[in-house]
Amino acid sequence: MRYPREDQEPWYKHFWLWFVVTPPFVGILIGGLLVTAATYDPDGLVVDDYYQEGRGINYSLERAEFARSLGLSAAVLIEGERVWLYLNSDVTVPNEGLQLTFVHPTRNHLDRKLTLAYDAGRGMHYADVNPLPAALWHLHLEPENGAWRLRGRLGELHAHEVVLQPST
């Protein structure tokens, strides 16, 4: 004797089928999206030669100590696409040949290096810069000969003033 089968529903209407099959399909979909996102915009190395950078740390500390001995500090003011810099020092520092670098912490292709001009009327240095993407920017100020260096951080996109000091 045959018993009649009670479920005559099509296969795609069964709950347990979808309960078992859905997680693997979702996992494959999310995995594909993650692989695509990881390979679409790979992270660039900020520093290519870590060994050379590690050896140069003593030189960097000497430059900060020299800036400290000169009593150097600076205030950076960002007004739209213009950057103003007021340099404080205990001794006379040449007004020409200063370079301000905006360093992105993870994307080296976004770094900007500006050569500052001097406005004698305002007693400040200035340069024009394109708008910066939102990020935590590190600012480095140094003369062309690299004798000293001041550092600071621009933490917010809408922050307009940064103080640069010798690093510790």
N, C-alpha and C. Protein backbone atom coordinates (compact mmCIF):
# COMPACT_ATOMS: atom_id res chain seq x y z
N MET A 1 0.83 -1.15 0.00
CA MET A 1 0.00 0.00 0.00
C MET A 1 0.89 1.24 0.00
N ARG A 2 0.53 2.11 -0.80
CA ARG A 2 1.26 3.37 -0.90
C ARG A 2 0.51 4.45 -0.16
N TYR A 3 1.33 5.22 0.55
CA TYR A 3 0.72 6.35 1.24
C TYR A 3 0.84 7.58 0.36
N PRO A 4 -0.18 8.32 0.25
CA PRO A 4 -0.10 9.51 -0.58
C PRO A 4 0.82 10.56 0.07
N ARG A 5 1.57 11.20 -0.73
CA ARG A 5 2.49 12.22 -0.25
C ARG A 5 1.72 13.51 -0.01
N GLU A 6 1.94 14.08 1.18
CA GLU A 6 1.13 15.23 1.54
C GLU A 6 1.70 16.55 1.04
N ASP A 7 3.04 16.67 0.95
CA ASP A 7 3.57 17.96 0.49
C ASP A 7 3.71 17.95 -1.02
N GLN A 8 2.90 18.65 -1.63
CA GLN A 8 2.92 18.77 -3.08
C GLN A 8 3.45 20.14 -3.51
N GLU A 9 4.16 20.83 -2.58
CA GLU A 9 4.70 22.15 -2.90
C GLU A 9 5.92 22.01 -3.79
N PRO A 10 6.19 23.00 -4.61
CA PRO A 10 7.41 22.97 -5.42
C PRO A 10 8.64 23.07 -4.51
N TRP A 11 9.78 22.66 -5.03
CA TRP A 11 11.01 22.60 -4.23
C TRP A 11 11.44 23.95 -3.69
N TYR A 12 11.21 25.02 -4.43
CA TYR A 12 11.68 26.34 -4.02
C TYR A 12 10.84 26.97 -2.91
N LYS A 13 9.76 26.32 -2.50
CA LYS A 13 8.94 26.85 -1.42
C LYS A 13 9.24 26.18 -0.07
N HIS A 14 10.22 25.33 -0.03
CA HIS A 14 10.56 24.66 1.23
C HIS A 14 11.51 25.53 2.05
N PHE A 15 11.15 25.74 3.32
CA PHE A 15 11.94 26.59 4.21
C PHE A 15 13.33 26.04 4.45
N TRP A 16 13.45 24.75 4.74
CA TRP A 16 14.74 24.18 5.12
C TRP A 16 15.74 24.19 3.97
N LEU A 17 15.28 24.13 2.77
CA LEU A 17 16.19 24.24 1.64
C LEU A 17 16.88 25.60 1.65
N TRP A 18 16.13 26.67 1.79
CA TRP A 18 16.70 28.01 1.81
C TRP A 18 17.51 28.27 3.07
N PHE A 19 17.11 27.65 4.18
CA PHE A 19 17.85 27.78 5.43
C PHE A 19 19.26 27.19 5.31
N VAL A 20 19.40 26.11 4.56
CA VAL A 20 20.69 25.44 4.39
C VAL A 20 21.51 26.07 3.27
N VAL A 21 20.88 26.51 2.20
CA VAL A 21 21.59 26.97 1.01
C VAL A 21 21.99 28.45 1.10
N THR A 22 21.25 29.28 1.80
CA THR A 22 21.52 30.71 1.84
C THR A 22 22.87 31.09 2.44
N PRO A 23 23.28 30.59 3.60
CA PRO A 23 24.58 31.02 4.17
C PRO A 23 25.78 30.80 3.25
N PRO A 24 25.92 29.66 2.57
CA PRO A 24 27.08 29.55 1.66
C PRO A 24 27.04 30.57 0.52
N PHE A 25 25.87 30.82 -0.04
CA PHE A 25 25.78 31.80 -1.12
C PHE A 25 26.10 33.21 -0.62
N VAL A 26 25.63 33.56 0.55
CA VAL A 26 25.93 34.87 1.12
C VAL A 26 27.43 34.98 1.40
N GLY A 27 28.03 33.90 1.91
CA GLY A 27 29.47 33.90 2.16
C GLY A 27 30.28 34.08 0.90
N ILE A 28 29.88 33.43 -0.18
CA ILE A 28 30.57 33.59 -1.46
C ILE A 28 30.43 35.02 -1.97
N LEU A 29 29.25 35.58 -1.85
CA LEU A 29 29.01 36.95 -2.30
C LEU A 29 29.85 37.95 -1.50
N ILE A 30 29.84 37.84 -0.18
CA ILE A 30 30.61 38.76 0.65
C ILE A 30 32.11 38.57 0.42
N GLY A 31 32.56 37.34 0.27
CA GLY A 31 33.97 37.09 -0.02
C GLY A 31 34.40 37.72 -1.33
N GLY A 32 33.56 37.61 -2.34
CA GLY A 32 33.87 38.25 -3.63
C GLY A 32 33.94 39.77 -3.51
N LEU A 33 33.02 40.35 -2.75
CA LEU A 33 33.06 41.80 -2.54
C LEU A 33 34.32 42.23 -1.79
N LEU A 34 34.73 41.46 -0.78
CA LEU A 34 35.94 41.80 -0.02
C LEU A 34 37.19 41.69 -0.88
N VAL A 35 37.27 40.65 -1.71
CA VAL A 35 38.43 40.50 -2.59
C VAL A 35 38.48 41.65 -3.59
N THR A 36 37.32 42.02 -4.13
CA THR A 36 37.26 43.14 -5.07
C THR A 36 37.69 44.44 -4.39
N ALA A 37 37.20 44.69 -3.19
CA ALA A 37 37.56 45.91 -2.47
C ALA A 37 39.05 45.94 -2.12
N ALA A 38 39.61 44.79 -1.78
CA ALA A 38 41.02 44.74 -1.40
C ALA A 38 41.95 44.94 -2.59
N THR A 39 41.55 44.50 -3.75
CA THR A 39 42.42 44.62 -4.92
C THR A 39 42.14 45.86 -5.75
N TYR A 40 41.02 46.52 -5.53
CA TYR A 40 40.67 47.69 -6.33
C TYR A 40 41.60 48.86 -6.05
N ASP A 41 41.87 49.14 -4.78
CA ASP A 41 42.72 50.27 -4.40
C ASP A 41 43.73 49.80 -3.37
N PRO A 42 44.79 49.13 -3.82
CA PRO A 42 45.76 48.59 -2.85
C PRO A 42 46.50 49.71 -2.12
N ASP A 43 46.83 49.44 -0.87
CA ASP A 43 47.57 50.41 -0.07
C ASP A 43 48.99 50.51 -0.57
N GLY A 44 49.46 51.74 -0.76
CA GLY A 44 50.84 51.95 -1.15
C GLY A 44 51.72 52.02 0.08
N LEU A 45 52.96 51.68 -0.10
CA LEU A 45 53.89 51.80 1.01
C LEU A 45 54.21 53.27 1.25
N VAL A 46 54.17 53.68 2.49
CA VAL A 46 54.50 55.06 2.80
C VAL A 46 56.01 55.25 2.70
N VAL A 47 56.76 54.27 3.18
CA VAL A 47 58.21 54.29 3.09
C VAL A 47 58.64 52.97 2.46
N ASP A 48 59.38 53.06 1.36
CA ASP A 48 59.78 51.84 0.67
C ASP A 48 60.96 51.13 1.34
N ASP A 49 61.88 51.88 1.90
CA ASP A 49 63.08 51.28 2.46
C ASP A 49 63.10 51.50 3.97
N TYR A 50 62.53 50.54 4.71
CA TYR A 50 62.43 50.68 6.16
C TYR A 50 63.79 50.67 6.84
N TYR A 51 64.74 49.93 6.32
CA TYR A 51 66.06 49.85 6.92
C TYR A 51 66.74 51.22 6.88
N GLN A 52 66.71 51.84 5.71
CA GLN A 52 67.33 53.16 5.56
C GLN A 52 66.63 54.18 6.45
N GLU A 53 65.30 54.09 6.53
CA GLU A 53 64.53 55.00 7.37
C GLU A 53 64.91 54.80 8.84
N GLY A 54 65.09 53.57 9.26
CA GLY A 54 65.46 53.29 10.64
C GLY A 54 66.84 53.84 10.99
N ARG A 55 67.75 53.76 10.05
CA ARG A 55 69.10 54.30 10.29
C ARG A 55 69.08 55.82 10.35
N GLY A 56 68.13 56.44 9.67
CA GLY A 56 68.06 57.90 9.64
C GLY A 56 67.37 58.52 10.84
N ILE A 57 66.91 57.70 11.79
CA ILE A 57 66.18 58.25 12.94
C ILE A 57 67.07 59.15 13.79
N ASN A 58 68.35 58.80 13.90
CA ASN A 58 69.26 59.64 14.69
C ASN A 58 69.43 61.01 14.05
N TYR A 59 69.51 61.04 12.72
CA TYR A 59 69.61 62.31 12.01
C TYR A 59 68.36 63.15 12.25
N SER A 60 67.20 62.50 12.24
CA SER A 60 65.94 63.20 12.47
C SER A 60 65.89 63.78 13.88
N LEU A 61 66.37 63.03 14.85
CA LEU A 61 66.39 63.53 16.23
C LEU A 61 67.36 64.70 16.38
N GLU A 62 68.47 64.65 15.66
CA GLU A 62 69.43 65.77 15.70
C GLU A 62 68.81 67.03 15.13
N ARG A 63 68.03 66.88 14.06
CA ARG A 63 67.38 68.05 13.46
C ARG A 63 66.35 68.65 14.41
N ALA A 64 65.61 67.81 15.11
CA ALA A 64 64.64 68.30 16.08
C ALA A 64 65.34 69.01 17.24
N GLU A 65 66.45 68.45 17.68
CA GLU A 65 67.21 69.06 18.78
C GLU A 65 67.79 70.42 18.34
N PHE A 66 68.25 70.51 17.11
CA PHE A 66 68.77 71.77 16.59
C PHE A 66 67.66 72.82 16.52
N ALA A 67 66.47 72.42 16.08
CA ALA A 67 65.33 73.34 16.03
C ALA A 67 64.96 73.81 17.43
N ARG A 68 65.03 72.91 18.39
CA ARG A 68 64.74 73.27 19.77
C ARG A 68 65.77 74.27 20.30
N SER A 69 67.04 74.07 19.93
CA SER A 69 68.09 74.98 20.40
C SER A 69 67.94 76.38 19.79
N LEU A 70 67.35 76.46 18.60
CA LEU A 70 67.09 77.76 17.97
C LEU A 70 65.82 78.41 18.49
N GLY A 71 65.05 77.68 19.28
CA GLY A 71 63.78 78.21 19.80
C GLY A 71 62.72 78.32 18.73
N LEU A 72 62.71 77.40 17.78
CA LEU A 72 61.78 77.47 16.65
C LEU A 72 60.42 76.87 17.00
N SER A 73 59.39 77.51 16.52
CA SER A 73 58.03 76.98 16.50
C SER A 73 57.31 77.73 15.39
N ALA A 74 56.20 77.20 14.96
CA ALA A 74 55.47 77.84 13.86
C ALA A 74 53.97 77.63 14.05
N ALA A 75 53.21 78.57 13.54
CA ALA A 75 51.76 78.46 13.52
C ALA A 75 51.33 78.43 12.06
N VAL A 76 50.57 77.43 11.69
CA VAL A 76 50.08 77.28 10.32
C VAL A 76 48.59 77.60 10.32
N LEU A 77 48.19 78.47 9.42
CA LEU A 77 46.79 78.86 9.29
C LEU A 77 46.35 78.54 7.87
N ILE A 78 45.27 77.78 7.74
CA ILE A 78 44.77 77.39 6.43
C ILE A 78 43.50 78.20 6.15
N GLU A 79 43.56 79.01 5.09
CA GLU A 79 42.42 79.83 4.67
C GLU A 79 42.05 79.43 3.26
N GLY A 80 41.08 78.58 3.10
CA GLY A 80 40.68 78.12 1.77
C GLY A 80 41.79 77.34 1.11
N GLU A 81 42.29 77.87 -0.01
CA GLU A 81 43.36 77.20 -0.74
C GLU A 81 44.72 77.86 -0.48
N ARG A 82 44.81 78.69 0.53
CA ARG A 82 46.08 79.33 0.87
C ARG A 82 46.48 78.92 2.28
N VAL A 83 47.76 78.63 2.42
CA VAL A 83 48.34 78.26 3.70
C VAL A 83 49.25 79.39 4.15
N TRP A 84 49.03 79.89 5.35
CA TRP A 84 49.88 80.93 5.94
C TRP A 84 50.68 80.31 7.07
N LEU A 85 51.93 80.73 7.21
CA LEU A 85 52.79 80.19 8.26
C LEU A 85 53.51 81.33 8.94
N TYR A 86 53.39 81.37 10.26
CA TYR A 86 54.12 82.36 11.05
C TYR A 86 55.20 81.62 11.82
N LEU A 87 56.46 81.97 11.59
CA LEU A 87 57.60 81.29 12.19
C LEU A 87 58.12 82.09 13.38
N ASN A 88 58.17 81.46 14.54
CA ASN A 88 58.73 82.06 15.75
C ASN A 88 60.11 81.48 15.99
N SER A 89 61.06 82.33 16.35
CA SER A 89 62.39 81.81 16.68
C SER A 89 63.12 82.78 17.59
N ASP A 90 64.07 82.23 18.34
CA ASP A 90 64.90 83.06 19.21
C ASP A 90 66.02 83.75 18.43
N VAL A 91 66.35 83.23 17.28
CA VAL A 91 67.41 83.79 16.44
C VAL A 91 66.84 84.12 15.07
N THR A 92 67.58 84.85 14.28
CA THR A 92 67.13 85.20 12.93
C THR A 92 67.28 84.00 12.00
N VAL A 93 66.19 83.66 11.33
CA VAL A 93 66.17 82.55 10.39
C VAL A 93 65.89 83.13 9.01
N PRO A 94 66.60 82.69 7.97
CA PRO A 94 66.32 83.20 6.62
C PRO A 94 64.86 82.98 6.24
N ASN A 95 64.28 83.97 5.56
CA ASN A 95 62.87 83.90 5.20
C ASN A 95 62.60 83.11 3.94
N GLU A 96 63.60 82.81 3.18
CA GLU A 96 63.40 82.09 1.92
C GLU A 96 63.81 80.62 2.07
N GLY A 97 63.25 79.80 1.22
CA GLY A 97 63.67 78.41 1.15
C GLY A 97 63.05 77.49 2.18
N LEU A 98 61.88 77.83 2.70
CA LEU A 98 61.20 76.93 3.63
C LEU A 98 60.26 76.02 2.86
N GLN A 99 60.19 74.77 3.28
CA GLN A 99 59.31 73.80 2.64
C GLN A 99 58.35 73.23 3.67
N LEU A 100 57.07 73.25 3.34
CA LEU A 100 56.03 72.68 4.19
C LEU A 100 55.49 71.45 3.47
N THR A 101 55.51 70.33 4.16
CA THR A 101 55.06 69.07 3.56
C THR A 101 53.84 68.57 4.31
N PHE A 102 52.77 68.28 3.56
CA PHE A 102 51.59 67.62 4.10
C PHE A 102 51.75 66.13 3.81
N VAL A 103 51.87 65.32 4.85
CA VAL A 103 52.12 63.89 4.70
C VAL A 103 50.87 63.13 5.11
N HIS A 104 50.33 62.35 4.18
CA HIS A 104 49.20 61.48 4.49
C HIS A 104 49.74 60.23 5.17
N PRO A 105 49.10 59.76 6.24
CA PRO A 105 49.67 58.64 6.99
C PRO A 105 49.70 57.31 6.25
N THR A 106 48.83 57.10 5.28
CA THR A 106 48.79 55.80 4.61
C THR A 106 48.91 55.86 3.10
N ARG A 107 48.68 56.98 2.49
CA ARG A 107 48.70 57.08 1.02
C ARG A 107 49.79 58.06 0.59
N ASN A 108 50.92 57.53 0.15
CA ASN A 108 52.03 58.41 -0.20
C ASN A 108 51.77 59.24 -1.45
N HIS A 109 50.85 58.81 -2.31
CA HIS A 109 50.57 59.60 -3.51
C HIS A 109 49.75 60.85 -3.20
N LEU A 110 49.22 60.97 -1.97
CA LEU A 110 48.48 62.16 -1.58
C LEU A 110 49.36 63.21 -0.91
N ASP A 111 50.63 62.89 -0.64
CA ASP A 111 51.54 63.83 0.01
C ASP A 111 51.70 65.09 -0.85
N ARG A 112 51.80 66.24 -0.18
CA ARG A 112 51.99 67.51 -0.88
C ARG A 112 53.20 68.22 -0.30
N LYS A 113 54.09 68.68 -1.15
CA LYS A 113 55.27 69.42 -0.72
C LYS A 113 55.17 70.83 -1.29
N LEU A 114 55.16 71.83 -0.41
CA LEU A 114 54.99 73.22 -0.82
C LEU A 114 56.26 74.01 -0.50
N THR A 115 56.68 74.83 -1.44
CA THR A 115 57.76 75.77 -1.19
C THR A 115 57.10 77.09 -0.81
N LEU A 116 57.42 77.59 0.36
CA LEU A 116 56.76 78.77 0.89
C LEU A 116 57.44 80.05 0.41
N ALA A 117 56.62 81.03 0.08
CA ALA A 117 57.11 82.38 -0.27
C ALA A 117 56.92 83.26 0.97
N TYR A 118 57.64 84.37 1.01
CA TYR A 118 57.57 85.25 2.18
C TYR A 118 56.85 86.54 1.82
N ASP A 119 55.86 86.91 2.64
CA ASP A 119 55.13 88.17 2.49
C ASP A 119 55.65 89.12 3.57
N ALA A 120 56.50 90.08 3.16
CA ALA A 120 57.12 90.99 4.13
C ALA A 120 56.09 91.89 4.80
N GLY A 121 55.01 92.21 4.10
CA GLY A 121 53.97 93.07 4.67
C GLY A 121 53.30 92.43 5.88
N ARG A 122 53.02 91.16 5.80
CA ARG A 122 52.37 90.45 6.91
C ARG A 122 53.39 89.78 7.83
N GLY A 123 54.62 89.65 7.35
CA GLY A 123 55.64 88.97 8.14
C GLY A 123 55.38 87.47 8.24
N MET A 124 54.76 86.92 7.20
CA MET A 124 54.39 85.51 7.21
C MET A 124 54.79 84.85 5.89
N HIS A 125 54.94 83.55 5.94
CA HIS A 125 55.18 82.75 4.74
C HIS A 125 53.83 82.24 4.24
N TYR A 126 53.75 81.97 2.93
CA TYR A 126 52.49 81.48 2.38
C TYR A 126 52.75 80.59 1.17
N ALA A 127 51.73 79.80 0.85
CA ALA A 127 51.74 78.97 -0.36
C ALA A 127 50.30 78.59 -0.66
N ASP A 128 50.05 78.26 -1.91
CA ASP A 128 48.73 77.80 -2.32
C ASP A 128 48.72 76.28 -2.35
N VAL A 129 47.61 75.70 -1.89
CA VAL A 129 47.48 74.24 -1.84
C VAL A 129 46.08 73.87 -2.31
N ASN A 130 45.99 72.77 -3.05
CA ASN A 130 44.69 72.25 -3.45
C ASN A 130 43.98 71.71 -2.22
N PRO A 131 42.65 71.65 -2.25
CA PRO A 131 41.92 71.13 -1.09
C PRO A 131 42.41 69.73 -0.70
N LEU A 132 42.51 69.51 0.60
CA LEU A 132 43.02 68.24 1.12
C LEU A 132 41.86 67.31 1.43
N PRO A 133 41.99 66.02 1.09
CA PRO A 133 40.96 65.06 1.49
C PRO A 133 40.93 64.92 3.01
N ALA A 134 39.79 64.50 3.53
CA ALA A 134 39.66 64.30 4.97
C ALA A 134 40.60 63.21 5.43
N ALA A 135 41.49 63.55 6.35
CA ALA A 135 42.44 62.58 6.90
C ALA A 135 43.18 63.24 8.05
N LEU A 136 43.97 62.45 8.74
CA LEU A 136 44.87 62.97 9.76
C LEU A 136 46.18 63.27 9.06
N TRP A 137 46.46 64.54 8.82
CA TRP A 137 47.66 64.94 8.08
C TRP A 137 48.79 65.26 9.04
N HIS A 138 49.99 64.84 8.69
CA HIS A 138 51.20 65.21 9.41
C HIS A 138 51.86 66.34 8.63
N LEU A 139 52.24 67.41 9.31
CA LEU A 139 52.89 68.55 8.67
C LEU A 139 54.35 68.60 9.09
N HIS A 140 55.23 68.77 8.12
CA HIS A 140 56.67 68.91 8.37
C HIS A 140 57.13 70.22 7.76
N LEU A 141 57.83 71.02 8.54
CA LEU A 141 58.40 72.26 8.06
C LEU A 141 59.91 72.16 8.20
N GLU A 142 60.61 72.44 7.11
CA GLU A 142 62.08 72.40 7.15
C GLU A 142 62.64 73.34 6.09
N PRO A 143 63.87 73.80 6.31
CA PRO A 143 64.51 74.62 5.27
C PRO A 143 65.00 73.72 4.14
N GLU A 144 65.38 74.33 3.03
CA GLU A 144 65.85 73.54 1.89
C GLU A 144 67.08 72.71 2.22
N ASN A 145 67.94 73.20 3.11
CA ASN A 145 69.14 72.44 3.44
C ASN A 145 68.87 71.33 4.47
N GLY A 146 67.67 71.27 5.03
CA GLY A 146 67.31 70.21 5.96
C GLY A 146 68.00 70.28 7.31
N ALA A 147 68.42 71.46 7.73
CA ALA A 147 69.16 71.60 8.99
C ALA A 147 68.28 71.34 10.21
N TRP A 148 67.01 71.68 10.14
CA TRP A 148 66.10 71.47 11.25
C TRP A 148 64.73 71.07 10.72
N ARG A 149 63.87 70.60 11.62
CA ARG A 149 62.53 70.20 11.21
C ARG A 149 61.55 70.45 12.35
N LEU A 150 60.39 70.99 11.98
CA LEU A 150 59.27 71.15 12.90
C LEU A 150 58.14 70.23 12.44
N ARG A 151 57.38 69.72 13.40
CA ARG A 151 56.30 68.80 13.05
C ARG A 151 55.01 69.19 13.76
N GLY A 152 53.91 68.80 13.15
CA GLY A 152 52.59 69.00 13.75
C GLY A 152 51.59 68.10 13.06
N ARG A 153 50.36 68.08 13.60
CA ARG A 153 49.31 67.25 13.01
C ARG A 153 48.05 68.07 12.79
N LEU A 154 47.47 67.88 11.63
CA LEU A 154 46.19 68.48 11.28
C LEU A 154 45.17 67.37 11.44
N GLY A 155 44.44 67.38 12.57
CA GLY A 155 43.58 66.27 12.92
C GLY A 155 42.23 66.25 12.24
N GLU A 156 41.69 67.38 11.91
CA GLU A 156 40.37 67.42 11.32
C GLU A 156 40.42 68.19 10.01
N LEU A 157 39.51 67.83 9.13
CA LEU A 157 39.45 68.51 7.83
C LEU A 157 39.11 69.99 8.01
N HIS A 158 38.27 70.29 8.98
CA HIS A 158 37.82 71.67 9.15
C HIS A 158 38.68 72.45 10.13
N ALA A 159 39.75 71.84 10.64
CA ALA A 159 40.67 72.58 11.50
C ALA A 159 41.44 73.56 10.62
N HIS A 160 41.64 74.75 11.12
CA HIS A 160 42.28 75.78 10.31
C HIS A 160 43.63 76.21 10.85
N GLU A 161 43.97 75.78 12.06
CA GLU A 161 45.22 76.23 12.65
C GLU A 161 45.96 75.05 13.28
N VAL A 162 47.26 75.00 13.03
CA VAL A 162 48.11 73.93 13.54
C VAL A 162 49.38 74.56 14.09
N VAL A 163 49.84 74.06 15.21
CA VAL A 163 51.11 74.52 15.79
C VAL A 163 52.17 73.48 15.48
N LEU A 164 53.29 73.94 14.93
CA LEU A 164 54.41 73.05 14.61
C LEU A 164 55.52 73.29 15.63
N GLN A 165 56.05 72.19 16.16
CA GLN A 165 57.12 72.26 17.14
C GLN A 165 58.15 71.19 16.84
N PRO A 166 59.34 71.31 17.42
CA PRO A 166 60.33 70.24 17.24
C PRO A 166 59.78 68.94 17.83
N SER A 167 59.97 67.85 17.14
CA SER A 167 59.46 66.57 17.64
C SER A 167 60.31 66.09 18.80
N THR A 168 59.71 65.26 19.61
CA THR A 168 60.43 64.74 20.79
C THR A 168 60.98 63.37 20.53
